[in-house]
N, C-alpha and C. Protein backbone atom coordinates (compact mmCIF):
# COMPACT_ATOMS: atom_id res chain seq x y z
N MET A 1 172.60 34.53 -57.33
CA MET A 1 172.95 35.22 -58.33
C MET A 1 174.17 36.42 -57.35
N LYS A 2 175.12 36.27 -57.81
CA LYS A 2 176.28 37.75 -57.61
C LYS A 2 175.83 38.79 -56.82
N PRO A 3 176.21 39.89 -55.74
CA PRO A 3 176.05 40.81 -55.52
C PRO A 3 176.15 41.99 -55.79
N ASN A 4 175.84 43.17 -56.13
CA ASN A 4 176.73 43.95 -57.25
C ASN A 4 177.36 44.49 -56.77
N LEU A 5 178.49 45.80 -57.47
CA LEU A 5 179.21 46.58 -56.63
C LEU A 5 178.58 47.24 -55.26
N ILE A 6 177.49 47.85 -55.13
CA ILE A 6 176.92 48.53 -54.73
C ILE A 6 175.91 47.93 -53.20
N LEU A 7 175.54 46.68 -53.97
CA LEU A 7 174.86 45.35 -52.60
C LEU A 7 176.26 45.50 -52.32
N ILE A 8 177.25 44.73 -51.79
CA ILE A 8 178.53 44.40 -50.98
C ILE A 8 179.36 45.62 -50.49
N ILE A 9 179.21 47.32 -51.44
CA ILE A 9 179.75 47.77 -50.10
C ILE A 9 179.02 48.01 -48.65
N CYS A 10 178.30 48.61 -49.41
CA CYS A 10 177.77 48.43 -48.28
C CYS A 10 177.14 48.04 -47.48
N LEU A 11 179.98 48.50 -47.84
CA LEU A 11 179.78 48.90 -46.30
C LEU A 11 178.29 48.99 -46.18
N LEU A 12 181.41 48.73 -45.69
CA LEU A 12 178.98 48.74 -45.99
C LEU A 12 178.24 48.49 -45.69
N PHE A 13 172.07 46.86 -47.01
CA PHE A 13 171.76 46.80 -45.91
C PHE A 13 170.69 47.28 -44.83
N GLY A 14 164.10 43.68 -45.00
CA GLY A 14 162.88 44.09 -44.78
C GLY A 14 162.14 44.26 -45.98
N GLN A 15 161.67 45.30 -45.88
CA GLN A 15 160.64 46.29 -46.89
C GLN A 15 161.54 47.28 -46.98
N VAL A 16 161.52 47.89 -48.03
CA VAL A 16 161.48 49.65 -48.35
C VAL A 16 160.91 49.89 -47.61
N LEU A 17 161.60 51.32 -46.76
CA LEU A 17 161.00 52.09 -45.51
C LEU A 17 161.13 53.53 -46.30
N LEU A 18 159.68 53.95 -46.18
CA LEU A 18 160.04 55.30 -47.46
C LEU A 18 159.47 56.15 -46.72
N ALA A 19 158.56 56.21 -45.85
CA ALA A 19 158.01 57.07 -44.63
C ALA A 19 159.06 56.61 -43.82
N GLN A 20 158.30 58.14 -42.75
CA GLN A 20 159.25 57.90 -41.75
C GLN A 20 158.93 56.05 -40.98
N PRO A 21 159.90 54.58 -39.90
CA PRO A 21 159.83 54.24 -39.71
C PRO A 21 158.44 53.98 -38.02
N SER A 22 157.62 53.10 -37.66
CA SER A 22 156.70 53.34 -37.06
C SER A 22 157.97 53.18 -35.57
N GLY A 23 157.83 53.86 -35.34
CA GLY A 23 158.27 53.78 -33.21
C GLY A 23 159.15 54.80 -33.50
N PHE A 24 159.48 55.47 -34.21
CA PHE A 24 161.00 56.12 -34.45
C PHE A 24 160.08 57.87 -34.48
N SER A 25 161.24 58.40 -33.59
CA SER A 25 161.11 60.18 -33.39
C SER A 25 162.22 60.59 -33.89
N PRO A 26 162.18 62.04 -34.68
CA PRO A 26 163.44 62.83 -34.11
C PRO A 26 163.88 62.91 -33.23
N VAL A 27 165.32 63.17 -33.08
CA VAL A 27 166.45 63.31 -32.02
C VAL A 27 165.82 64.28 -31.74
N LYS A 28 165.97 64.80 -30.27
CA LYS A 28 165.18 66.43 -30.10
C LYS A 28 166.64 67.41 -29.52
N ASP A 29 167.77 66.82 -29.48
CA ASP A 29 168.80 66.95 -29.16
C ASP A 29 170.49 66.69 -29.60
N LEU A 30 170.10 67.06 -30.99
CA LEU A 30 170.70 66.45 -31.88
C LEU A 30 172.31 66.65 -31.95
N LEU A 31 172.92 68.05 -30.91
CA LEU A 31 174.46 68.11 -30.83
C LEU A 31 174.71 67.28 -29.71
N PRO A 32 174.30 66.70 -28.50
CA PRO A 32 174.96 65.50 -27.55
C PRO A 32 175.01 64.12 -28.50
N PHE A 33 173.41 64.30 -29.18
CA PHE A 33 173.99 62.77 -30.09
C PHE A 33 175.11 62.56 -30.63
N LYS A 34 175.65 63.67 -31.31
CA LYS A 34 176.05 63.98 -32.49
C LYS A 34 177.54 63.70 -32.13
N SER A 35 177.98 64.25 -30.97
CA SER A 35 179.02 64.57 -29.78
C SER A 35 179.10 62.69 -29.15
N GLN A 36 178.23 61.89 -28.49
CA GLN A 36 177.83 60.61 -28.12
C GLN A 36 178.61 59.97 -28.81
N PHE A 37 177.88 60.45 -30.43
CA PHE A 37 178.52 59.06 -31.68
C PHE A 37 179.97 59.25 -31.81
N ALA A 38 180.24 60.23 -32.23
CA ALA A 38 181.78 60.11 -32.91
C ALA A 38 182.53 60.54 -31.35
N LEU A 39 181.87 59.74 -30.31
CA LEU A 39 183.50 59.82 -29.03
C LEU A 39 183.29 58.22 -29.22
N ALA A 40 181.51 57.63 -28.91
CA ALA A 40 182.00 56.32 -28.99
C ALA A 40 182.51 55.26 -30.64
N SER A 41 182.12 55.90 -31.35
CA SER A 41 182.93 55.48 -32.70
C SER A 41 185.01 55.41 -32.74
N GLN A 42 185.11 56.71 -31.67
CA GLN A 42 186.77 57.11 -31.58
C GLN A 42 187.30 55.64 -30.68
N LYS A 43 186.68 55.29 -30.08
CA LYS A 43 187.31 53.50 -29.46
C LYS A 43 186.99 52.81 -29.27
N VAL A 44 186.79 52.35 -30.97
CA VAL A 44 186.42 51.53 -31.81
C VAL A 44 187.38 51.61 -32.41
N GLU A 45 188.67 50.00 -32.15
CA GLU A 45 189.73 50.10 -32.73
C GLU A 45 189.54 48.89 -34.49
N SER A 46 188.61 47.84 -33.50
CA SER A 46 188.24 46.91 -34.92
C SER A 46 187.02 46.06 -34.08
N ILE A 47 185.94 45.85 -35.57
CA ILE A 47 185.34 44.95 -34.87
C ILE A 47 185.32 44.01 -36.51
N GLU A 48 184.67 43.03 -35.56
CA GLU A 48 184.79 41.74 -36.10
C GLU A 48 183.06 41.33 -36.45
N SER A 49 182.65 40.52 -36.76
CA SER A 49 181.01 40.47 -36.92
C SER A 49 180.69 39.32 -38.01
N ASN A 50 179.33 38.61 -37.51
CA ASN A 50 179.07 37.84 -39.05
C ASN A 50 177.58 38.50 -39.31
N PHE A 51 177.65 38.25 -40.48
CA PHE A 51 176.01 38.85 -40.65
C PHE A 51 175.43 38.37 -41.70
N THR A 52 173.93 38.47 -41.77
CA THR A 52 172.79 38.36 -43.12
C THR A 52 172.51 39.22 -43.92
N GLN A 53 172.63 39.19 -44.47
CA GLN A 53 172.04 40.15 -45.95
C GLN A 53 171.19 39.39 -46.44
N ILE A 54 169.69 40.25 -46.70
CA ILE A 54 168.94 39.93 -47.06
C ILE A 54 168.10 41.25 -48.12
N LYS A 55 167.81 40.68 -49.75
CA LYS A 55 167.86 41.24 -50.81
C LYS A 55 166.89 41.33 -51.57
N ASN A 56 166.01 42.61 -51.72
CA ASN A 56 164.73 42.49 -52.20
C ASN A 56 164.26 42.82 -53.62
N LEU A 57 164.06 41.99 -54.12
CA LEU A 57 164.48 42.64 -55.21
C LEU A 57 162.94 42.14 -56.25
N SER A 58 163.10 43.77 -56.80
CA SER A 58 161.08 44.15 -57.57
C SER A 58 160.84 42.89 -58.54
N LEU A 59 162.02 42.44 -59.10
CA LEU A 59 162.03 41.33 -60.63
C LEU A 59 161.67 40.18 -59.60
N LEU A 60 162.13 39.53 -58.51
CA LEU A 60 161.94 38.60 -58.02
C LEU A 60 160.62 38.68 -57.11
N LYS A 61 160.09 37.10 -57.02
CA LYS A 61 159.59 36.91 -55.94
C LYS A 61 160.44 36.24 -54.37
N ASP A 62 161.15 35.52 -54.83
CA ASP A 62 161.57 35.49 -53.47
C ASP A 62 163.08 35.93 -53.29
N LYS A 63 162.89 36.38 -51.69
CA LYS A 63 164.01 37.68 -51.53
C LYS A 63 165.60 36.06 -51.61
N ILE A 64 166.56 36.92 -51.67
CA ILE A 64 167.22 36.96 -51.58
C ILE A 64 168.75 36.91 -50.54
N GLN A 65 169.41 35.39 -49.74
CA GLN A 65 170.01 35.17 -48.60
C GLN A 65 170.96 35.37 -48.47
N SER A 66 172.09 36.14 -48.11
CA SER A 66 173.61 35.77 -48.01
C SER A 66 174.13 36.08 -46.61
N LYS A 67 174.90 35.51 -45.83
CA LYS A 67 175.89 35.42 -45.24
C LYS A 67 177.67 35.35 -44.87
N GLY A 68 178.48 36.08 -44.16
CA GLY A 68 179.06 35.29 -44.40
C GLY A 68 180.24 36.89 -43.29
N LYS A 69 181.11 37.19 -43.30
CA LYS A 69 181.67 38.14 -42.15
C LYS A 69 182.27 38.97 -42.81
N PHE A 70 182.50 39.82 -41.46
CA PHE A 70 182.72 41.51 -41.60
C PHE A 70 183.95 42.03 -41.12
N TYR A 71 185.02 42.44 -41.25
CA TYR A 71 186.24 42.75 -41.07
C TYR A 71 186.53 44.59 -40.73
N TYR A 72 186.10 44.71 -40.24
CA TYR A 72 186.85 46.51 -40.01
C TYR A 72 188.28 46.50 -38.85
N LYS A 73 189.32 47.64 -39.91
CA LYS A 73 190.54 47.84 -38.61
C LYS A 73 190.27 49.24 -39.23
N LYS A 74 191.06 50.18 -37.83
CA LYS A 74 190.70 52.05 -38.22
C LYS A 74 192.16 51.73 -38.77
N GLY A 75 191.98 52.95 -39.82
CA GLY A 75 192.67 52.99 -40.77
C GLY A 75 191.98 53.03 -42.43
N ASN A 76 191.21 52.45 -42.07
CA ASN A 76 190.44 52.49 -43.80
C ASN A 76 190.56 51.41 -43.97
N LYS A 77 190.22 50.30 -43.24
CA LYS A 77 190.11 48.69 -44.27
C LYS A 77 188.80 48.64 -43.26
N VAL A 78 188.20 47.78 -44.46
CA VAL A 78 187.11 46.73 -44.64
C VAL A 78 187.11 45.90 -45.37
N ARG A 79 186.75 45.10 -44.90
CA ARG A 79 186.41 43.47 -45.45
C ARG A 79 185.40 42.98 -45.20
N ILE A 80 184.29 42.56 -46.26
CA ILE A 80 183.75 41.79 -46.35
C ILE A 80 183.35 40.59 -46.99
N GLU A 81 183.43 39.06 -46.83
CA GLU A 81 183.76 38.27 -46.74
C GLU A 81 182.47 36.98 -47.17
N TYR A 82 181.32 37.14 -47.79
CA TYR A 82 180.37 36.16 -48.35
C TYR A 82 181.09 34.58 -48.54
N SER A 83 180.35 33.78 -47.40
CA SER A 83 180.45 32.57 -47.54
C SER A 83 179.00 31.74 -48.11
N SER A 84 178.33 31.98 -47.94
CA SER A 84 176.58 31.50 -48.27
C SER A 84 175.84 32.04 -49.09
N PRO A 85 175.39 31.82 -50.14
CA PRO A 85 175.08 30.61 -50.47
C PRO A 85 176.20 30.50 -51.82
N TYR A 86 177.14 31.38 -52.27
CA TYR A 86 178.48 31.28 -52.93
C TYR A 86 180.06 32.28 -51.90
N TYR A 87 180.84 31.96 -52.18
CA TYR A 87 182.20 32.49 -52.00
C TYR A 87 182.23 34.28 -52.99
N TYR A 88 182.96 34.94 -52.07
CA TYR A 88 182.87 36.21 -52.80
C TYR A 88 183.09 37.37 -51.33
N LEU A 89 184.31 38.25 -52.34
CA LEU A 89 185.10 38.74 -51.18
C LEU A 89 185.24 40.63 -52.00
N MET A 90 184.61 41.06 -51.06
CA MET A 90 185.41 42.75 -51.27
C MET A 90 185.95 43.54 -50.07
N VAL A 91 187.62 43.44 -50.02
CA VAL A 91 188.22 44.31 -49.51
C VAL A 91 187.98 46.19 -49.85
N LEU A 92 188.70 47.23 -48.73
CA LEU A 92 188.63 47.90 -49.04
C LEU A 92 190.13 48.28 -48.34
N ASN A 93 191.16 49.37 -48.27
CA ASN A 93 191.74 49.61 -47.49
C ASN A 93 192.72 50.91 -48.44
N GLN A 94 192.17 52.20 -47.13
CA GLN A 94 192.30 52.90 -47.70
C GLN A 94 191.53 53.27 -48.96
N ASN A 95 192.59 53.34 -50.26
CA ASN A 95 191.71 54.36 -51.33
C ASN A 95 192.22 52.67 -52.57
N ALA A 96 192.69 51.66 -52.00
CA ALA A 96 192.59 50.03 -52.94
C ALA A 96 191.32 49.89 -52.49
N MET A 97 190.63 48.94 -53.87
CA MET A 97 189.05 48.28 -53.43
C MET A 97 189.26 47.31 -54.47
N THR A 98 189.15 45.91 -53.54
CA THR A 98 189.83 44.46 -54.27
C THR A 98 188.80 43.32 -54.16
N ILE A 99 188.24 43.52 -55.34
CA ILE A 99 186.81 42.10 -55.13
C ILE A 99 187.15 40.58 -56.14
N LYS A 100 186.71 39.06 -55.05
CA LYS A 100 187.44 38.56 -55.73
C LYS A 100 186.22 37.74 -55.42
N ASP A 101 186.14 36.62 -56.46
CA ASP A 101 185.06 35.66 -56.90
C ASP A 101 185.93 34.13 -56.16
N ASP A 102 184.91 33.55 -57.41
CA ASP A 102 186.26 31.70 -57.59
C ASP A 102 186.62 32.19 -59.17
N GLN A 103 186.05 32.77 -59.95
CA GLN A 103 186.74 33.21 -61.53
C GLN A 103 188.00 33.73 -61.33
N LYS A 104 187.95 35.27 -60.17
CA LYS A 104 188.73 35.86 -60.79
C LYS A 104 188.87 37.08 -60.09
N THR A 105 190.54 37.79 -60.12
CA THR A 105 190.35 39.09 -58.59
C THR A 105 190.34 40.35 -59.68
N SER A 106 190.04 41.14 -59.15
CA SER A 106 189.62 42.64 -59.98
C SER A 106 189.99 43.65 -58.98
N SER A 107 190.82 44.86 -59.04
CA SER A 107 191.00 46.24 -58.08
C SER A 107 190.79 47.37 -58.73
N TYR A 108 190.77 48.09 -58.07
CA TYR A 108 190.29 49.17 -58.14
C TYR A 108 191.03 50.73 -57.30
N ASN A 109 190.94 51.68 -57.88
CA ASN A 109 191.95 52.49 -57.60
C ASN A 109 190.25 53.89 -57.30
N THR A 110 189.73 53.71 -55.80
CA THR A 110 187.85 54.02 -55.85
C THR A 110 188.64 55.96 -55.42
N LYS A 111 189.91 56.17 -55.29
CA LYS A 111 190.36 57.82 -55.98
C LYS A 111 189.89 58.58 -57.50
N SER A 112 190.06 57.49 -57.82
CA SER A 112 189.83 58.00 -59.38
C SER A 112 188.67 57.66 -59.73
N ASN A 113 187.18 57.13 -58.97
CA ASN A 113 186.36 57.18 -59.16
C ASN A 113 185.16 57.38 -58.42
N LYS A 114 184.77 58.41 -59.15
CA LYS A 114 184.14 59.58 -58.05
C LYS A 114 182.74 58.36 -57.52
N MET A 115 182.25 57.42 -58.28
CA MET A 115 181.18 56.91 -57.04
C MET A 115 182.06 56.17 -56.94
N MET A 116 182.49 54.91 -56.81
CA MET A 116 183.10 54.31 -56.04
C MET A 116 184.25 54.72 -54.53
N GLN A 117 184.06 55.66 -55.14
CA GLN A 117 184.92 57.13 -53.48
C GLN A 117 183.53 56.90 -53.01
N SER A 118 182.73 57.60 -53.33
CA SER A 118 181.62 57.41 -52.17
C SER A 118 181.18 56.68 -51.58
N ILE A 119 180.69 55.72 -52.43
CA ILE A 119 180.35 54.71 -52.05
C ILE A 119 181.09 53.83 -50.56
N ASN A 120 182.88 53.93 -51.05
CA ASN A 120 183.63 53.50 -49.80
C ASN A 120 183.40 54.87 -48.86
N ASN A 121 183.05 56.08 -48.86
CA ASN A 121 182.87 56.45 -47.67
C ASN A 121 181.73 56.42 -46.70
N ILE A 122 180.83 55.90 -47.28
CA ILE A 122 179.60 55.68 -46.60
C ILE A 122 180.13 54.31 -45.69
N MET A 123 180.28 53.63 -46.25
CA MET A 123 180.79 51.66 -45.28
C MET A 123 181.93 52.65 -43.87
N LEU A 124 182.51 53.36 -44.93
CA LEU A 124 183.49 54.02 -43.51
C LEU A 124 183.35 55.02 -42.69
N ASP A 125 182.51 56.15 -42.78
CA ASP A 125 181.91 56.33 -42.19
C ASP A 125 180.78 56.10 -41.18
N CYS A 126 180.04 54.46 -41.75
CA CYS A 126 179.00 54.48 -40.17
C CYS A 126 180.08 53.83 -39.60
N MET A 127 181.48 53.25 -40.17
CA MET A 127 182.08 52.72 -38.43
C MET A 127 183.16 53.29 -38.01
N ARG A 128 182.99 54.96 -38.60
CA ARG A 128 183.80 55.51 -37.42
C ARG A 128 183.24 57.05 -36.78
N GLY A 129 181.95 56.72 -36.99
CA GLY A 129 181.20 57.92 -36.90
C GLY A 129 181.46 59.56 -37.61
N THR A 130 181.54 59.05 -38.24
CA THR A 130 181.77 60.58 -39.06
C THR A 130 180.05 60.74 -40.22
N ILE A 131 179.53 60.31 -40.34
CA ILE A 131 177.94 60.20 -41.16
C ILE A 131 177.78 61.42 -41.40
N TYR A 132 177.73 62.17 -40.13
CA TYR A 132 177.86 63.77 -40.41
C TYR A 132 178.23 64.33 -41.02
N GLY A 133 179.75 64.22 -41.64
CA GLY A 133 180.44 65.22 -42.32
C GLY A 133 180.88 64.24 -43.57
N ASN A 134 179.93 63.59 -44.17
CA ASN A 134 179.82 63.09 -45.67
C ASN A 134 178.29 64.10 -46.13
N LYS A 135 179.47 64.51 -47.48
CA LYS A 135 178.74 65.53 -48.31
C LYS A 135 177.67 65.21 -49.41
N ASP A 136 178.24 63.79 -49.53
CA ASP A 136 177.30 63.30 -50.75
C ASP A 136 175.42 63.14 -50.18
N PHE A 137 175.83 63.84 -48.61
CA PHE A 137 174.40 63.40 -48.28
C PHE A 137 173.44 63.92 -46.91
N MET A 138 172.17 64.07 -47.02
CA MET A 138 171.86 65.09 -46.19
C MET A 138 171.31 64.15 -44.70
N VAL A 139 171.80 63.58 -43.77
CA VAL A 139 171.30 62.94 -42.42
C VAL A 139 169.75 63.10 -41.62
N ASP A 140 168.86 62.35 -41.36
CA ASP A 140 167.80 63.06 -40.49
C ASP A 140 168.59 61.96 -39.05
N ALA A 141 168.42 62.06 -37.72
CA ALA A 141 168.15 61.67 -36.88
C ALA A 141 166.92 61.18 -36.42
N LEU A 142 166.82 60.12 -36.21
CA LEU A 142 165.67 59.41 -35.28
C LEU A 142 165.59 58.51 -34.05
N GLU A 143 164.73 58.71 -33.20
CA GLU A 143 165.26 57.47 -32.43
C GLU A 143 163.90 56.83 -31.80
N GLY A 144 163.95 55.47 -31.56
CA GLY A 144 163.57 54.34 -31.16
C GLY A 144 163.92 54.12 -29.17
N PRO A 145 162.65 53.58 -28.79
CA PRO A 145 163.30 52.74 -27.80
C PRO A 145 164.82 51.73 -27.18
N LYS A 146 165.21 51.09 -28.28
CA LYS A 146 166.07 50.74 -27.71
C LYS A 146 167.29 51.32 -29.17
N GLU A 147 166.83 51.81 -30.52
CA GLU A 147 167.96 51.94 -31.22
C GLU A 147 167.77 53.74 -31.90
N TYR A 148 168.61 53.50 -32.64
CA TYR A 148 169.19 55.43 -33.59
C TYR A 148 169.23 54.84 -34.65
N LEU A 149 167.28 55.84 -35.62
CA LEU A 149 167.90 55.26 -37.39
C LEU A 149 168.22 56.53 -37.53
N LEU A 150 169.90 56.31 -38.29
CA LEU A 150 170.14 57.23 -39.24
C LEU A 150 169.71 57.45 -40.39
N LYS A 151 169.07 58.18 -41.41
CA LYS A 151 167.84 58.23 -42.04
C LYS A 151 168.75 59.13 -43.38
N MET A 152 169.65 59.03 -44.57
CA MET A 152 170.53 59.70 -45.47
C MET A 152 170.41 59.77 -46.14
N LYS A 153 169.58 60.81 -47.03
CA LYS A 153 169.02 61.55 -48.01
C LYS A 153 169.71 61.55 -49.06
N PRO A 154 170.28 60.69 -49.91
CA PRO A 154 171.51 61.49 -51.41
C PRO A 154 171.09 63.33 -51.71
N ILE A 155 172.52 63.47 -51.88
CA ILE A 155 171.84 65.14 -52.86
C ILE A 155 173.13 65.71 -54.05
N THR A 156 173.83 64.38 -54.08
CA THR A 156 174.90 64.73 -55.23
C THR A 156 173.67 63.93 -55.83
N ALA A 157 174.48 64.07 -57.57
CA ALA A 157 173.33 64.05 -58.51
C ALA A 157 174.38 62.38 -58.38
N THR A 158 176.01 61.85 -58.68
CA THR A 158 176.05 60.49 -58.45
C THR A 158 175.13 59.38 -57.49
N MET A 159 175.27 59.92 -56.45
CA MET A 159 174.03 58.87 -54.92
C MET A 159 172.54 59.31 -55.46
N LYS A 160 172.12 60.52 -56.20
CA LYS A 160 171.39 60.18 -56.47
C LYS A 160 170.47 59.05 -57.18
N LYS A 161 171.54 58.67 -58.55
CA LYS A 161 171.56 57.74 -59.51
C LYS A 161 171.48 56.77 -58.51
N ILE A 162 171.52 56.13 -57.61
CA ILE A 162 171.54 54.70 -57.25
C ILE A 162 170.79 54.27 -56.19
N PHE A 163 170.88 56.04 -55.06
CA PHE A 163 170.11 55.64 -53.37
C PHE A 163 168.51 56.17 -53.93
N ALA A 164 167.64 55.63 -53.12
CA ALA A 164 166.70 56.79 -52.38
C ALA A 164 166.74 57.05 -51.51
N HIS A 165 167.01 56.47 -50.45
CA HIS A 165 168.21 56.69 -49.19
C HIS A 165 168.54 55.75 -48.69
N ILE A 166 169.45 55.73 -47.93
CA ILE A 166 169.78 54.52 -46.75
C ILE A 166 169.73 55.03 -45.50
N GLU A 167 168.96 53.91 -44.68
CA GLU A 167 168.83 54.31 -43.21
C GLU A 167 170.50 53.03 -42.08
N VAL A 168 170.35 53.57 -41.07
CA VAL A 168 171.95 53.03 -40.36
C VAL A 168 171.10 53.00 -39.13
N PHE A 169 171.13 51.94 -38.48
CA PHE A 169 170.12 51.60 -37.11
C PHE A 169 171.31 51.20 -35.88
N LEU A 170 171.58 52.12 -35.22
CA LEU A 170 171.86 51.84 -34.01
C LEU A 170 171.78 51.32 -32.79
N ASP A 171 172.72 50.77 -31.59
CA ASP A 171 172.39 50.27 -30.34
C ASP A 171 172.35 51.89 -30.05
N LYS A 172 171.25 51.79 -28.60
CA LYS A 172 171.50 53.27 -27.83
C LYS A 172 172.66 53.43 -27.20
N LYS A 173 172.54 51.90 -26.51
CA LYS A 173 173.43 51.94 -25.75
C LYS A 173 175.17 51.97 -25.70
N ASP A 174 175.60 51.93 -27.09
CA ASP A 174 176.40 51.91 -27.81
C ASP A 174 176.82 52.31 -28.65
N PHE A 175 175.85 53.23 -29.49
CA PHE A 175 176.11 53.23 -30.70
C PHE A 175 176.69 52.98 -31.65
N HIS A 176 176.97 51.64 -31.49
CA HIS A 176 177.38 50.31 -32.86
C HIS A 176 176.56 49.74 -34.13
N VAL A 177 176.29 49.79 -35.12
CA VAL A 177 175.52 49.75 -35.88
C VAL A 177 174.74 48.18 -35.68
N LEU A 178 173.61 48.07 -36.36
CA LEU A 178 172.96 47.38 -36.05
C LEU A 178 172.53 46.68 -37.23
N ARG A 179 172.49 47.62 -38.40
CA ARG A 179 171.87 47.29 -39.92
C ARG A 179 171.96 48.24 -40.12
N LEU A 180 172.19 48.18 -40.78
CA LEU A 180 172.12 48.91 -42.60
C LEU A 180 171.16 48.43 -44.05
N ASN A 181 170.81 48.99 -44.18
CA ASN A 181 169.35 48.94 -45.46
C ASN A 181 169.74 50.52 -46.26
N LEU A 182 169.98 49.49 -47.97
CA LEU A 182 170.00 50.47 -48.97
C LEU A 182 169.04 50.14 -49.57
N VAL A 183 168.83 51.45 -49.66
CA VAL A 183 167.40 51.34 -50.90
C VAL A 183 167.80 52.31 -51.83
N GLU A 184 167.28 50.85 -53.09
CA GLU A 184 167.83 51.71 -54.19
C GLU A 184 166.67 52.62 -54.66
N CYS A 185 167.28 53.16 -55.75
CA CYS A 185 165.87 54.26 -57.05
C CYS A 185 164.84 53.94 -57.95
N ASN A 186 165.71 52.17 -57.71
CA ASN A 186 164.29 51.64 -58.51
C ASN A 186 162.98 50.31 -57.39
N GLY A 187 163.52 50.79 -56.14
CA GLY A 187 162.99 50.55 -55.43
C GLY A 187 163.59 49.13 -54.53
N ASP A 188 164.22 48.56 -55.10
CA ASP A 188 165.33 47.66 -54.52
C ASP A 188 165.44 47.65 -53.50
N ASN A 189 166.27 46.71 -51.87
CA ASN A 189 166.51 46.86 -51.40
C ASN A 189 167.31 45.86 -50.44
N SER A 190 168.33 46.39 -49.80
CA SER A 190 169.33 44.64 -49.00
C SER A 190 169.84 45.74 -47.94
N LEU A 191 168.77 44.75 -47.00
CA LEU A 191 169.82 44.39 -45.38
C LEU A 191 170.91 44.03 -44.59
N MET A 192 171.43 44.18 -44.31
CA MET A 192 172.59 43.90 -44.13
C MET A 192 172.37 43.98 -42.30
N THR A 193 172.50 42.47 -41.57
CA THR A 193 172.26 42.46 -40.33
C THR A 193 173.33 42.21 -39.41
N PHE A 194 173.68 43.24 -38.35
CA PHE A 194 174.84 42.56 -38.21
C PHE A 194 174.83 41.44 -36.49
N THR A 195 176.18 40.47 -36.01
CA THR A 195 175.44 39.72 -35.15
C THR A 195 176.55 39.51 -34.73
N GLN A 196 176.68 39.19 -33.37
CA GLN A 196 177.59 38.26 -32.36
C GLN A 196 178.84 39.86 -32.52
N PRO A 197 178.67 41.08 -32.75
CA PRO A 197 180.57 41.03 -32.60
C PRO A 197 181.35 41.17 -32.00
N MET A 198 182.39 41.26 -32.21
CA MET A 198 183.59 41.75 -32.18
C MET A 198 184.29 42.66 -31.36
N LEU A 199 184.52 43.35 -30.56
CA LEU A 199 185.16 45.09 -30.59
C LEU A 199 186.44 44.85 -30.46
N ASN A 200 187.24 45.87 -30.97
CA ASN A 200 189.60 45.88 -30.51
C ASN A 200 189.57 44.70 -30.60
N LYS A 201 188.91 43.40 -31.38
CA LYS A 201 190.41 42.45 -31.61
C LYS A 201 190.86 43.08 -32.27
N ASN A 202 192.45 41.81 -31.97
CA ASN A 202 193.24 41.93 -32.48
C ASN A 202 193.14 42.18 -34.13
N LEU A 203 193.04 42.60 -35.41
CA LEU A 203 192.82 41.90 -36.48
C LEU A 203 194.36 42.26 -37.43
N SER A 204 194.79 40.86 -38.05
CA SER A 204 196.32 40.81 -38.91
C SER A 204 195.57 41.36 -39.74
N ASP A 205 196.62 42.85 -40.24
CA ASP A 205 196.57 43.55 -41.99
C ASP A 205 196.18 42.91 -42.66
N ALA A 206 196.57 41.18 -42.55
CA ALA A 206 196.85 40.34 -43.14
C ALA A 206 195.47 40.04 -44.19
N LEU A 207 194.49 40.05 -43.46
CA LEU A 207 192.63 40.37 -43.39
C LEU A 207 192.61 41.40 -44.69
N PHE A 208 193.25 42.69 -44.89
CA PHE A 208 192.99 43.62 -45.99
C PHE A 208 193.91 43.51 -47.25
N SER A 209 194.64 42.26 -47.17
CA SER A 209 195.64 42.22 -48.40
C SER A 209 194.91 41.04 -48.50
N VAL A 210 194.49 41.10 -50.47
CA VAL A 210 194.05 39.73 -51.26
C VAL A 210 195.15 39.57 -52.16
N LYS A 211 195.05 38.35 -51.95
CA LYS A 211 196.48 37.56 -53.17
C LYS A 211 196.07 36.56 -54.37
């Protein structure tokens, strides 16, 4: 089964967590947290990482697992390349989105589509540390012993049709994204876990151009 548009973008990621997750409590001093998160993200020029995605579908007993490579480059560039169990590619390059599989290549202008633009912004905000500037969501900040959790609740009609909420897990040491959990309104969810990240590697612009 191929991932739908929502799943591959988010940026753009278990079980559905509707209540406050165990082991997390609200961040007490929010202003320093926001400042540190933004500052750490500004130092990141690029990210290359492996990822594993687990999809839970209410209509299926078994979970769907996918693997691939994730790339981010400052300048609003993201590449998500699925390699297993099938090939699937999604590239964001500023306002241009390209999706490619074994059969066809499709291109979109996210600027002319409110839903695509909103989903595009979710992924970029996670990488740039600008989640609190996203007007489509209200954000609650929680912390555990080793991780921060940003729980994003949709407040616009467009996003409410898609997501119940989104969970962004950050490493407390450096604020890098560890996991991204997309919980849809129907109860399905997709959890993307990033592993072996390489920061500030020189990534070619060709990675973000699909021919």
